[in-house]
Amino acid sequence: YAPGVSNPEPEGLTLTSLLEVLNLVIDRRIVGLDVVEVCPPFDNGLAAIHAAKLLFEEIAYVSRSLRASFNPEQD
């Protein structure tokens, strides 16, 4: 749940659940990732933190995936 959006969805995905789902479907073929909305006037800081965490984790995941594809013997 991210309160800092114009249309919050109560009982939506948690950040952990979202990251788990994305890590199942994202691989080295990914060409983009977009955070659609963070609305500071409605945010208590949580949405901004979640958006930054989401981007950081997914960039790191894609980076690890790319490195593994170039160096298959390393994890």
PDB file of N, CA and C in Angstrom:
ATOM      1  N   TYR A   1       0.844  -1.186   0.000  1.00  0.00           N
ATOM      2  CA  TYR A   1       0.000   0.000   0.000  1.00  0.00           C
ATOM      3  C   TYR A   1       0.878   1.234   0.000  1.00  0.00           C
ATOM      4  N   ALA A   2       0.639   2.110  -0.935  1.00  0.00           N
ATOM      5  CA  ALA A   2       1.397   3.355  -1.023  1.00  0.00           C
ATOM      6  C   ALA A   2       0.418   4.528  -0.972  1.00  0.00           C
ATOM      7  N   PRO A   3       0.384   5.251   0.133  1.00  0.00           N
ATOM      8  CA  PRO A   3      -0.587   6.331   0.259  1.00  0.00           C
ATOM      9  C   PRO A   3      -0.308   7.530  -0.645  1.00  0.00           C
ATOM     10  N   GLY A   4       0.910   7.681  -1.114  1.00  0.00           N
ATOM     11  CA  GLY A   4       1.278   8.869  -1.877  1.00  0.00           C
ATOM     12  C   GLY A   4       0.985   8.778  -3.353  1.00  0.00           C
ATOM     13  N   VAL A   5      -0.218   8.345  -3.690  1.00  0.00           N
ATOM     14  CA  VAL A   5      -0.664   8.304  -5.080  1.00  0.00           C
ATOM     15  C   VAL A   5      -2.064   8.902  -5.142  1.00  0.00           C
ATOM     16  N   SER A   6      -2.508   9.262  -6.323  1.00  0.00           N
ATOM     17  CA  SER A   6      -3.820   9.897  -6.426  1.00  0.00           C
ATOM     18  C   SER A   6      -4.968   8.909  -6.257  1.00  0.00           C
ATOM     19  N   ASN A   7      -4.701   7.613  -6.467  1.00  0.00           N
ATOM     20  CA  ASN A   7      -5.747   6.601  -6.320  1.00  0.00           C
ATOM     21  C   ASN A   7      -5.200   5.400  -5.547  1.00  0.00           C
ATOM     22  N   PRO A   8      -5.044   5.529  -4.222  1.00  0.00           N
ATOM     23  CA  PRO A   8      -4.482   4.413  -3.453  1.00  0.00           C
ATOM     24  C   PRO A   8      -5.407   3.200  -3.449  1.00  0.00           C
ATOM     25  N   GLU A   9      -4.815   2.038  -3.462  1.00  0.00           N
ATOM     26  CA  GLU A   9      -5.565   0.783  -3.433  1.00  0.00           C
ATOM     27  C   GLU A   9      -5.330   0.100  -2.091  1.00  0.00           C
ATOM     28  N   PRO A  10      -6.282   0.194  -1.182  1.00  0.00           N
ATOM     29  CA  PRO A  10      -6.116  -0.502   0.096  1.00  0.00           C
ATOM     30  C   PRO A  10      -5.951  -2.001  -0.124  1.00  0.00           C
ATOM     31  N   GLU A  11      -5.137  -2.600   0.691  1.00  0.00           N
ATOM     32  CA  GLU A  11      -4.858  -4.032   0.625  1.00  0.00           C
ATOM     33  C   GLU A  11      -4.241  -4.443  -0.713  1.00  0.00           C
ATOM     34  N   GLY A  12      -3.506  -3.525  -1.328  1.00  0.00           N
ATOM     35  CA  GLY A  12      -2.787  -3.854  -2.556  1.00  0.00           C
ATOM     36  C   GLY A  12      -1.544  -4.660  -2.240  1.00  0.00           C
ATOM     37  N   LEU A  13      -0.720  -4.869  -3.240  1.00  0.00           N
ATOM     38  CA  LEU A  13       0.516  -5.623  -3.044  1.00  0.00           C
ATOM     39  C   LEU A  13       1.451  -4.898  -2.091  1.00  0.00           C
ATOM     40  N   THR A  14       2.137  -5.670  -1.282  1.00  0.00           N
ATOM     41  CA  THR A  14       3.201  -5.092  -0.470  1.00  0.00           C
ATOM     42  C   THR A  14       4.429  -4.927  -1.355  1.00  0.00           C
ATOM     43  N   LEU A  15       5.366  -4.131  -0.915  1.00  0.00           N
ATOM     44  CA  LEU A  15       6.600  -3.958  -1.678  1.00  0.00           C
ATOM     45  C   LEU A  15       7.318  -5.293  -1.831  1.00  0.00           C
ATOM     46  N   THR A  16       7.357  -6.076  -0.782  1.00  0.00           N
ATOM     47  CA  THR A  16       8.019  -7.383  -0.837  1.00  0.00           C
ATOM     48  C   THR A  16       7.351  -8.293  -1.860  1.00  0.00           C
ATOM     49  N   SER A  17       6.033  -8.329  -1.857  1.00  0.00           N
ATOM     50  CA  SER A  17       5.306  -9.163  -2.826  1.00  0.00           C
ATOM     51  C   SER A  17       5.549  -8.688  -4.249  1.00  0.00           C
ATOM     52  N   LEU A  18       5.532  -7.386  -4.449  1.00  0.00           N
ATOM     53  CA  LEU A  18       5.774  -6.835  -5.780  1.00  0.00           C
ATOM     54  C   LEU A  18       7.170  -7.194  -6.273  1.00  0.00           C
ATOM     55  N   LEU A  19       8.166  -7.067  -5.412  1.00  0.00           N
ATOM     56  CA  LEU A  19       9.534  -7.417  -5.803  1.00  0.00           C
ATOM     57  C   LEU A  19       9.648  -8.903  -6.136  1.00  0.00           C
ATOM     58  N   GLU A  20       8.978  -9.749  -5.366  1.00  0.00           N
ATOM     59  CA  GLU A  20       9.014 -11.188  -5.651  1.00  0.00           C
ATOM     60  C   GLU A  20       8.417 -11.493  -7.020  1.00  0.00           C
ATOM     61  N   VAL A  21       7.290 -10.881  -7.329  1.00  0.00           N
ATOM     62  CA  VAL A  21       6.650 -11.102  -8.631  1.00  0.00           C
ATOM     63  C   VAL A  21       7.543 -10.588  -9.758  1.00  0.00           C
ATOM     64  N   LEU A  22       8.056  -9.385  -9.600  1.00  0.00           N
ATOM     65  CA  LEU A  22       8.910  -8.823 -10.649  1.00  0.00           C
ATOM     66  C   LEU A  22      10.160  -9.664 -10.868  1.00  0.00           C
ATOM     67  N   ASN A  23      10.741 -10.172  -9.797  1.00  0.00           N
ATOM     68  CA  ASN A  23      11.945 -10.994  -9.945  1.00  0.00           C
ATOM     69  C   ASN A  23      11.653 -12.322 -10.637  1.00  0.00           C
ATOM     70  N   LEU A  24      10.413 -12.749 -10.625  1.00  0.00           N
ATOM     71  CA  LEU A  24      10.042 -13.961 -11.357  1.00  0.00           C
ATOM     72  C   LEU A  24       9.912 -13.702 -12.856  1.00  0.00           C
ATOM     73  N   VAL A  25       9.517 -12.500 -13.227  1.00  0.00           N
ATOM     74  CA  VAL A  25       9.238 -12.232 -14.639  1.00  0.00           C
ATOM     75  C   VAL A  25      10.303 -11.397 -15.340  1.00  0.00           C
ATOM     76  N   ILE A  26      11.139 -10.716 -14.592  1.00  0.00           N
ATOM     77  CA  ILE A  26      12.165  -9.868 -15.212  1.00  0.00           C
ATOM     78  C   ILE A  26      13.417 -10.695 -15.467  1.00  0.00           C
ATOM     79  N   ASP A  27      13.963 -10.539 -16.644  1.00  0.00           N
ATOM     80  CA  ASP A  27      15.239 -11.167 -16.961  1.00  0.00           C
ATOM     81  C   ASP A  27      16.076 -10.182 -17.767  1.00  0.00           C
ATOM     82  N   ARG A  28      17.143 -10.668 -18.359  1.00  0.00           N
ATOM     83  CA  ARG A  28      18.071  -9.768 -19.038  1.00  0.00           C
ATOM     84  C   ARG A  28      17.479  -9.106 -20.277  1.00  0.00           C
ATOM     85  N   ARG A  29      16.315  -9.566 -20.708  1.00  0.00           N
ATOM     86  CA  ARG A  29      15.682  -8.952 -21.874  1.00  0.00           C
ATOM     87  C   ARG A  29      14.921  -7.678 -21.521  1.00  0.00           C
ATOM     88  N   ILE A  30      14.874  -7.330 -20.252  1.00  0.00           N
ATOM     89  CA  ILE A  30      14.134  -6.139 -19.828  1.00  0.00           C
ATOM     90  C   ILE A  30      14.722  -4.900 -20.502  1.00  0.00           C
ATOM     91  N   VAL A  31      13.869  -4.052 -20.989  1.00  0.00           N
ATOM     92  CA  VAL A  31      14.339  -2.833 -21.639  1.00  0.00           C
ATOM     93  C   VAL A  31      13.856  -1.576 -20.923  1.00  0.00           C
ATOM     94  N   GLY A  32      12.997  -1.730 -19.934  1.00  0.00           N
ATOM     95  CA  GLY A  32      12.534  -0.551 -19.219  1.00  0.00           C
ATOM     96  C   GLY A  32      11.722  -0.913 -17.995  1.00  0.00           C
ATOM     97  N   LEU A  33      11.664   0.017 -17.090  1.00  0.00           N
ATOM     98  CA  LEU A  33      10.857  -0.113 -15.881  1.00  0.00           C
ATOM     99  C   LEU A  33      10.410   1.288 -15.515  1.00  0.00           C
ATOM    100  N   ASP A  34       9.153   1.422 -15.173  1.00  0.00           N
ATOM    101  CA  ASP A  34       8.594   2.742 -14.948  1.00  0.00           C
ATOM    102  C   ASP A  34       7.835   2.784 -13.632  1.00  0.00           C
ATOM    103  N   VAL A  35       8.125   3.770 -12.822  1.00  0.00           N
ATOM    104  CA  VAL A  35       7.286   4.069 -11.663  1.00  0.00           C
ATOM    105  C   VAL A  35       6.331   5.150 -12.144  1.00  0.00           C
ATOM    106  N   VAL A  36       5.066   4.837 -12.160  1.00  0.00           N
ATOM    107  CA  VAL A  36       4.092   5.715 -12.798  1.00  0.00           C
ATOM    108  C   VAL A  36       3.767   6.945 -11.964  1.00  0.00           C
ATOM    109  N   GLU A  37       3.617   6.776 -10.666  1.00  0.00           N
ATOM    110  CA  GLU A  37       3.179   7.936  -9.900  1.00  0.00           C
ATOM    111  C   GLU A  37       3.647   7.888  -8.456  1.00  0.00           C
ATOM    112  N   VAL A  38       4.187   8.988  -8.016  1.00  0.00           N
ATOM    113  CA  VAL A  38       4.383   9.292  -6.603  1.00  0.00           C
ATOM    114  C   VAL A  38       3.915  10.732  -6.460  1.00  0.00           C
ATOM    115  N   CYS A  39       2.937  10.941  -5.624  1.00  0.00           N
ATOM    116  CA  CYS A  39       2.317  12.262  -5.487  1.00  0.00           C
ATOM    117  C   CYS A  39       2.673  12.856  -4.118  1.00  0.00           C
ATOM    118  N   PRO A  40       3.714  13.684  -4.050  1.00  0.00           N
ATOM    119  CA  PRO A  40       4.178  14.203  -2.763  1.00  0.00           C
ATOM    120  C   PRO A  40       3.104  14.848  -1.878  1.00  0.00           C
ATOM    121  N   PRO A  41       2.132  15.589  -2.422  1.00  0.00           N
ATOM    122  CA  PRO A  41       1.133  16.167  -1.513  1.00  0.00           C
ATOM    123  C   PRO A  41       0.321  15.118  -0.737  1.00  0.00           C
ATOM    124  N   PHE A  42       0.193  13.916  -1.282  1.00  0.00           N
ATOM    125  CA  PHE A  42      -0.556  12.858  -0.605  1.00  0.00           C
ATOM    126  C   PHE A  42       0.351  11.890   0.150  1.00  0.00           C
ATOM    127  N   ASP A  43       1.649  12.062   0.023  1.00  0.00           N
ATOM    128  CA  ASP A  43       2.602  11.077   0.543  1.00  0.00           C
ATOM    129  C   ASP A  43       3.078  11.430   1.943  1.00  0.00           C
ATOM    130  N   ASN A  44       3.219  10.411   2.757  1.00  0.00           N
ATOM    131  CA  ASN A  44       3.837  10.580   4.071  1.00  0.00           C
ATOM    132  C   ASN A  44       5.303  10.148   4.022  1.00  0.00           C
ATOM    133  N   GLY A  45       5.815   9.954   2.829  1.00  0.00           N
ATOM    134  CA  GLY A  45       7.189   9.511   2.619  1.00  0.00           C
ATOM    135  C   GLY A  45       7.280   8.058   2.209  1.00  0.00           C
ATOM    136  N   LEU A  46       6.245   7.295   2.495  1.00  0.00           N
ATOM    137  CA  LEU A  46       6.269   5.859   2.227  1.00  0.00           C
ATOM    138  C   LEU A  46       6.304   5.538   0.733  1.00  0.00           C
ATOM    139  N   ALA A  47       5.480   6.203  -0.057  1.00  0.00           N
ATOM    140  CA  ALA A  47       5.447   5.918  -1.498  1.00  0.00           C
ATOM    141  C   ALA A  47       6.779   6.269  -2.153  1.00  0.00           C
ATOM    142  N   ALA A  48       7.362   7.374  -1.765  1.00  0.00           N
ATOM    143  CA  ALA A  48       8.648   7.772  -2.341  1.00  0.00           C
ATOM    144  C   ALA A  48       9.740   6.768  -1.983  1.00  0.00           C
ATOM    145  N   ILE A  49       9.745   6.313  -0.747  1.00  0.00           N
ATOM    146  CA  ILE A  49      10.735   5.321  -0.316  1.00  0.00           C
ATOM    147  C   ILE A  49      10.520   4.004  -1.057  1.00  0.00           C
ATOM    148  N   HIS A  50       9.272   3.586  -1.180  1.00  0.00           N
ATOM    149  CA  HIS A  50       8.982   2.340  -1.895  1.00  0.00           C
ATOM    150  C   HIS A  50       9.363   2.443  -3.367  1.00  0.00           C
ATOM    151  N   ALA A  51       9.097   3.576  -3.984  1.00  0.00           N
ATOM    152  CA  ALA A  51       9.453   3.756  -5.393  1.00  0.00           C
ATOM    153  C   ALA A  51      10.968   3.677  -5.580  1.00  0.00           C
ATOM    154  N   ALA A  52      11.703   4.339  -4.705  1.00  0.00           N
ATOM    155  CA  ALA A  52      13.166   4.303  -4.798  1.00  0.00           C
ATOM    156  C   ALA A  52      13.691   2.890  -4.558  1.00  0.00           C
ATOM    157  N   LYS A  53      13.148   2.209  -3.574  1.00  0.00           N
ATOM    158  CA  LYS A  53      13.564   0.837  -3.270  1.00  0.00           C
ATOM    159  C   LYS A  53      13.260  -0.092  -4.446  1.00  0.00           C
ATOM    160  N   LEU A  54      12.083   0.056  -5.020  1.00  0.00           N
ATOM    161  CA  LEU A  54      11.690  -0.761  -6.163  1.00  0.00           C
ATOM    162  C   LEU A  54      12.664  -0.577  -7.323  1.00  0.00           C
ATOM    163  N   LEU A  55      12.943   0.659  -7.672  1.00  0.00           N
ATOM    164  CA  LEU A  55      13.868   0.923  -8.777  1.00  0.00           C
ATOM    165  C   LEU A  55      15.266   0.392  -8.474  1.00  0.00           C
ATOM    166  N   PHE A  56      15.753   0.637  -7.270  1.00  0.00           N
ATOM    167  CA  PHE A  56      17.081   0.163  -6.886  1.00  0.00           C
ATOM    168  C   PHE A  56      17.175  -1.358  -6.979  1.00  0.00           C
ATOM    169  N   GLU A  57      16.213  -2.049  -6.401  1.00  0.00           N
ATOM    170  CA  GLU A  57      16.251  -3.514  -6.385  1.00  0.00           C
ATOM    171  C   GLU A  57      16.151  -4.100  -7.791  1.00  0.00           C
ATOM    172  N   GLU A  58      15.307  -3.539  -8.624  1.00  0.00           N
ATOM    173  CA  GLU A  58      15.149  -4.086  -9.971  1.00  0.00           C
ATOM    174  C   GLU A  58      16.351  -3.775 -10.857  1.00  0.00           C
ATOM    175  N   ILE A  59      16.946  -2.611 -10.699  1.00  0.00           N
ATOM    176  CA  ILE A  59      18.179  -2.311 -11.440  1.00  0.00           C
ATOM    177  C   ILE A  59      19.287  -3.269 -11.005  1.00  0.00           C
ATOM    178  N   ALA A  60      19.387  -3.516  -9.713  1.00  0.00           N
ATOM    179  CA  ALA A  60      20.393  -4.460  -9.206  1.00  0.00           C
ATOM    180  C   ALA A  60      20.124  -5.867  -9.727  1.00  0.00           C
ATOM    181  N   TYR A  61      18.866  -6.274  -9.754  1.00  0.00           N
ATOM    182  CA  TYR A  61      18.512  -7.610 -10.232  1.00  0.00           C
ATOM    183  C   TYR A  61      18.882  -7.778 -11.707  1.00  0.00           C
ATOM    184  N   VAL A  62      18.542  -6.796 -12.525  1.00  0.00           N
ATOM    185  CA  VAL A  62      18.872  -6.865 -13.952  1.00  0.00           C
ATOM    186  C   VAL A  62      20.386  -6.851 -14.139  1.00  0.00           C
ATOM    187  N   SER A  63      21.079  -6.049 -13.356  1.00  0.00           N
ATOM    188  CA  SER A  63      22.537  -5.996 -13.442  1.00  0.00           C
ATOM    189  C   SER A  63      23.156  -7.355 -13.120  1.00  0.00           C
ATOM    190  N   ARG A  64      22.675  -7.994 -12.048  1.00  0.00           N
ATOM    191  CA  ARG A  64      23.185  -9.332 -11.702  1.00  0.00           C
ATOM    192  C   ARG A  64      22.870 -10.333 -12.808  1.00  0.00           C
ATOM    193  N   SER A  65      21.691 -10.227 -13.372  1.00  0.00           N
ATOM    194  CA  SER A  65      21.293 -11.131 -14.445  1.00  0.00           C
ATOM    195  C   SER A  65      22.198 -10.961 -15.666  1.00  0.00           C
ATOM    196  N   LEU A  66      22.502  -9.717 -15.998  1.00  0.00           N
ATOM    197  CA  LEU A  66      23.383  -9.457 -17.137  1.00  0.00           C
ATOM    198  C   LEU A  66      24.791  -9.982 -16.877  1.00  0.00           C
ATOM    199  N   ARG A  67      25.300  -9.739 -15.675  1.00  0.00           N
ATOM    200  CA  ARG A  67      26.637 -10.238 -15.347  1.00  0.00           C
ATOM    201  C   ARG A  67      26.685 -11.753 -15.410  1.00  0.00           C
ATOM    202  N   ALA A  68      25.648 -12.402 -14.917  1.00  0.00           N
ATOM    203  CA  ALA A  68      25.606 -13.866 -14.933  1.00  0.00           C
ATOM    204  C   ALA A  68      25.556 -14.393 -16.365  1.00  0.00           C
ATOM    205  N   SER A  69      24.893 -13.673 -17.255  1.00  0.00           N
ATOM    206  CA  SER A  69      24.810 -14.142 -18.639  1.00  0.00           C
ATOM    207  C   SER A  69      26.152 -14.008 -19.358  1.00  0.00           C
ATOM    208  N   PHE A  70      26.987 -13.062 -18.923  1.00  0.00           N
ATOM    209  CA  PHE A  70      28.307 -12.905 -19.531  1.00  0.00           C
ATOM    210  C   PHE A  70      29.357 -13.770 -18.848  1.00  0.00           C
ATOM    211  N   ASN A  71      29.111 -14.155 -17.599  1.00  0.00           N
ATOM    212  CA  ASN A  71      30.025 -14.999 -16.829  1.00  0.00           C
ATOM    213  C   ASN A  71      29.246 -16.163 -16.235  1.00  0.00           C
ATOM    214  N   PRO A  72      28.869 -17.146 -17.034  1.00  0.00           N
ATOM    215  CA  PRO A  72      27.993 -18.212 -16.541  1.00  0.00           C
ATOM    216  C   PRO A  72      28.587 -19.039 -15.405  1.00  0.00           C
ATOM    217  N   GLU A  73      29.903 -19.075 -15.253  1.00  0.00           N
ATOM    218  CA  GLU A  73      30.490 -19.875 -14.181  1.00  0.00           C
ATOM    219  C   GLU A  73      30.433 -19.166 -12.832  1.00  0.00           C
ATOM    220  N   GLN A  74      30.132 -17.867 -12.817  1.00  0.00           N
ATOM    221  CA  GLN A  74      30.031 -17.117 -11.566  1.00  0.00           C
ATOM    222  C   GLN A  74      28.570 -16.878 -11.236  1.00  0.00           C
ATOM    223  N   ASP A  75      28.253 -16.769  -9.941  1.00  0.00           N
ATOM    224  CA  ASP A  75      26.882 -16.430  -9.515  1.00  0.00           C
ATOM    225  C   ASP A  75      26.730 -14.954  -9.391  1.00  0.00           C
TER     226      ASP A  75
END
